[in-house]
């Protein structure tokens, strides 16, 4: 846990069974701040896909990461959508997703 005390910051841990879908060097099975994990994943996606496509989907997939701590979401229907993937994209082609090193697929 971090020095700020239990529950203060949102933390994430990449599940070992999902490590193959993330860049080498991404901490596996280790609790780190979710913002640090997201920044790491987004930086690698941006290199591979470019800035816009890197932000198309959540960097930390709930099926591949465990989470703990932090404040519960206070999102309402009036809360601005922060992720590009939360916004409707009418008239746009498929979005790109990186699932393994060296492979790019459409979503």
C-alpha atoms as a PDB file:
ATOM      1  CA  UNK A   1       0.000   0.000   0.000  1.00  0.00           C
ATOM      2  CA  UNK A   2       1.149   3.581  -0.453  1.00  0.00           C
ATOM      3  CA  UNK A   3       2.336   5.982   2.252  1.00  0.00           C
ATOM      4  CA  UNK A   4      -0.876   8.015   2.142  1.00  0.00           C
ATOM      5  CA  UNK A   5      -2.774   5.382   4.100  1.00  0.00           C
ATOM      6  CA  UNK A   6      -5.199   2.622   3.175  1.00  0.00           C
ATOM      7  CA  UNK A   7      -7.977   3.504   0.775  1.00  0.00           C
ATOM      8  CA  UNK A   8      -6.865   7.024  -0.029  1.00  0.00           C
ATOM      9  CA  UNK A   9      -5.782   6.358  -3.609  1.00  0.00           C
ATOM     10  CA  UNK A  10      -7.248   3.987  -6.164  1.00  0.00           C
ATOM     11  CA  UNK A  11      -4.857   1.095  -6.730  1.00  0.00           C
ATOM     12  CA  UNK A  12      -4.671  -1.445  -9.524  1.00  0.00           C
ATOM     13  CA  UNK A  13      -3.006  -4.830  -9.927  1.00  0.00           C
ATOM     14  CA  UNK A  14      -2.544  -6.607 -13.261  1.00  0.00           C
ATOM     15  CA  UNK A  15      -3.653 -10.227 -13.025  1.00  0.00           C
ATOM     16  CA  UNK A  16      -0.784 -12.632 -13.868  1.00  0.00           C
ATOM     17  CA  UNK A  17      -2.977 -14.529 -16.333  1.00  0.00           C
ATOM     18  CA  UNK A  18      -3.430 -11.317 -18.356  1.00  0.00           C
ATOM     19  CA  UNK A  19       0.167 -10.084 -18.391  1.00  0.00           C
ATOM     20  CA  UNK A  20       0.703 -11.272 -21.970  1.00  0.00           C
ATOM     21  CA  UNK A  21      -1.756  -8.610 -23.197  1.00  0.00           C
ATOM     22  CA  UNK A  22       0.247  -5.729 -21.744  1.00  0.00           C
ATOM     23  CA  UNK A  23       3.702  -4.292 -22.561  1.00  0.00           C
ATOM     24  CA  UNK A  24       6.799  -5.905 -21.106  1.00  0.00           C
ATOM     25  CA  UNK A  25       7.749  -4.136 -17.902  1.00  0.00           C
ATOM     26  CA  UNK A  26       4.159  -3.530 -16.795  1.00  0.00           C
ATOM     27  CA  UNK A  27       4.093  -4.628 -13.124  1.00  0.00           C
ATOM     28  CA  UNK A  28       2.284  -7.947 -12.720  1.00  0.00           C
ATOM     29  CA  UNK A  29       0.569  -8.921  -9.461  1.00  0.00           C
ATOM     30  CA  UNK A  30       1.809  -5.770  -7.722  1.00  0.00           C
ATOM     31  CA  UNK A  31      -0.469  -3.066  -6.289  1.00  0.00           C
ATOM     32  CA  UNK A  32       0.390   0.337  -7.796  1.00  0.00           C
ATOM     33  CA  UNK A  33      -1.648   3.519  -8.054  1.00  0.00           C
ATOM     34  CA  UNK A  34      -4.242   3.205 -10.803  1.00  0.00           C
ATOM     35  CA  UNK A  35      -3.115   6.515 -12.290  1.00  0.00           C
ATOM     36  CA  UNK A  36       0.457   5.205 -12.628  1.00  0.00           C
ATOM     37  CA  UNK A  37      -0.737   1.962 -14.247  1.00  0.00           C
ATOM     38  CA  UNK A  38      -3.025   3.851 -16.643  1.00  0.00           C
ATOM     39  CA  UNK A  39      -0.261   6.297 -17.605  1.00  0.00           C
ATOM     40  CA  UNK A  40       2.107   3.410 -18.340  1.00  0.00           C
ATOM     41  CA  UNK A  41      -0.416   1.574 -20.529  1.00  0.00           C
ATOM     42  CA  UNK A  42      -1.507   4.752 -22.355  1.00  0.00           C
ATOM     43  CA  UNK A  43       2.082   5.756 -23.110  1.00  0.00           C
ATOM     44  CA  UNK A  44       2.711   2.417 -24.803  1.00  0.00           C
ATOM     45  CA  UNK A  45      -0.600   2.504 -26.703  1.00  0.00           C
ATOM     46  CA  UNK A  46       0.169   6.004 -27.950  1.00  0.00           C
ATOM     47  CA  UNK A  47       3.466   4.835 -29.435  1.00  0.00           C
ATOM     48  CA  UNK A  48       1.778   1.934 -31.234  1.00  0.00           C
ATOM     49  CA  UNK A  49      -1.598   3.436 -32.175  1.00  0.00           C
ATOM     50  CA  UNK A  50      -1.205   7.204 -32.007  1.00  0.00           C
ATOM     51  CA  UNK A  51      -2.724   9.658 -29.520  1.00  0.00           C
ATOM     52  CA  UNK A  52      -6.394   9.519 -30.529  1.00  0.00           C
ATOM     53  CA  UNK A  53      -6.678   5.730 -30.790  1.00  0.00           C
ATOM     54  CA  UNK A  54      -4.748   5.293 -27.523  1.00  0.00           C
ATOM     55  CA  UNK A  55      -7.559   7.075 -25.669  1.00  0.00           C
ATOM     56  CA  UNK A  56     -10.387   5.183 -27.390  1.00  0.00           C
ATOM     57  CA  UNK A  57     -10.778   2.580 -24.633  1.00  0.00           C
ATOM     58  CA  UNK A  58     -10.125   2.348 -20.916  1.00  0.00           C
ATOM     59  CA  UNK A  59      -6.457   1.577 -20.351  1.00  0.00           C
ATOM     60  CA  UNK A  60      -7.172  -0.735 -17.400  1.00  0.00           C
ATOM     61  CA  UNK A  61      -9.727  -3.365 -18.393  1.00  0.00           C
ATOM     62  CA  UNK A  62     -11.846  -4.535 -15.422  1.00  0.00           C
ATOM     63  CA  UNK A  63     -11.496  -8.135 -16.613  1.00  0.00           C
ATOM     64  CA  UNK A  64      -7.694  -7.974 -16.492  1.00  0.00           C
ATOM     65  CA  UNK A  65      -7.016  -5.730 -13.485  1.00  0.00           C
ATOM     66  CA  UNK A  66      -8.008  -5.868  -9.815  1.00  0.00           C
ATOM     67  CA  UNK A  67      -8.801  -2.586  -8.060  1.00  0.00           C
ATOM     68  CA  UNK A  68      -8.951  -1.415  -4.459  1.00  0.00           C
ATOM     69  CA  UNK A  69      -9.202   1.789  -2.446  1.00  0.00           C
ATOM     70  CA  UNK A  70     -10.098   5.250  -3.581  1.00  0.00           C
ATOM     71  CA  UNK A  71     -13.389   7.048  -3.561  1.00  0.00           C
ATOM     72  CA  UNK A  72     -16.466   5.474  -5.136  1.00  0.00           C
ATOM     73  CA  UNK A  73     -17.449   6.988  -8.451  1.00  0.00           C
ATOM     74  CA  UNK A  74     -19.844   9.902  -8.149  1.00  0.00           C
ATOM     75  CA  UNK A  75     -20.693   9.934 -11.854  1.00  0.00           C
ATOM     76  CA  UNK A  76     -24.199  10.996 -12.795  1.00  0.00           C
ATOM     77  CA  UNK A  77     -25.843  11.446 -16.171  1.00  0.00           C
ATOM     78  CA  UNK A  78     -24.659  15.067 -16.082  1.00  0.00           C
ATOM     79  CA  UNK A  79     -21.019  14.250 -15.274  1.00  0.00           C
ATOM     80  CA  UNK A  80     -18.772  14.898 -18.277  1.00  0.00           C
ATOM     81  CA  UNK A  81     -17.450  11.788 -19.968  1.00  0.00           C
ATOM     82  CA  UNK A  82     -13.688  11.718 -19.547  1.00  0.00           C
ATOM     83  CA  UNK A  83     -12.685   8.812 -21.777  1.00  0.00           C
ATOM     84  CA  UNK A  84     -12.929   9.014 -25.544  1.00  0.00           C
ATOM     85  CA  UNK A  85     -14.567   5.567 -25.457  1.00  0.00           C
ATOM     86  CA  UNK A  86     -17.406   7.002 -23.330  1.00  0.00           C
ATOM     87  CA  UNK A  87     -18.376   9.417 -26.077  1.00  0.00           C
ATOM     88  CA  UNK A  88     -20.579   8.389 -28.987  1.00  0.00           C
ATOM     89  CA  UNK A  89     -18.663   8.479 -32.252  1.00  0.00           C
ATOM     90  CA  UNK A  90     -21.279   8.609 -35.020  1.00  0.00           C
ATOM     91  CA  UNK A  91     -20.034   8.013 -38.534  1.00  0.00           C
ATOM     92  CA  UNK A  92     -16.590   6.792 -37.493  1.00  0.00           C
ATOM     93  CA  UNK A  93     -14.968   3.538 -38.460  1.00  0.00           C
ATOM     94  CA  UNK A  94     -13.877   0.831 -36.043  1.00  0.00           C
ATOM     95  CA  UNK A  95     -11.594   1.751 -33.166  1.00  0.00           C
ATOM     96  CA  UNK A  96      -8.244   0.066 -32.681  1.00  0.00           C
ATOM     97  CA  UNK A  97      -7.324  -1.969 -29.650  1.00  0.00           C
ATOM     98  CA  UNK A  98      -3.955  -3.413 -28.657  1.00  0.00           C
ATOM     99  CA  UNK A  99      -4.326  -6.850 -27.133  1.00  0.00           C
ATOM    100  CA  UNK A 100      -0.821  -8.244 -27.386  1.00  0.00           C
ATOM    101  CA  UNK A 101       2.608  -6.895 -28.264  1.00  0.00           C
ATOM    102  CA  UNK A 102       2.805  -6.456 -32.014  1.00  0.00           C
ATOM    103  CA  UNK A 103      -0.872  -7.107 -32.715  1.00  0.00           C
ATOM    104  CA  UNK A 104      -3.520  -4.535 -33.450  1.00  0.00           C
ATOM    105  CA  UNK A 105      -7.160  -5.414 -33.894  1.00  0.00           C
ATOM    106  CA  UNK A 106     -10.316  -3.482 -34.637  1.00  0.00           C
ATOM    107  CA  UNK A 107     -13.090  -3.224 -32.074  1.00  0.00           C
END
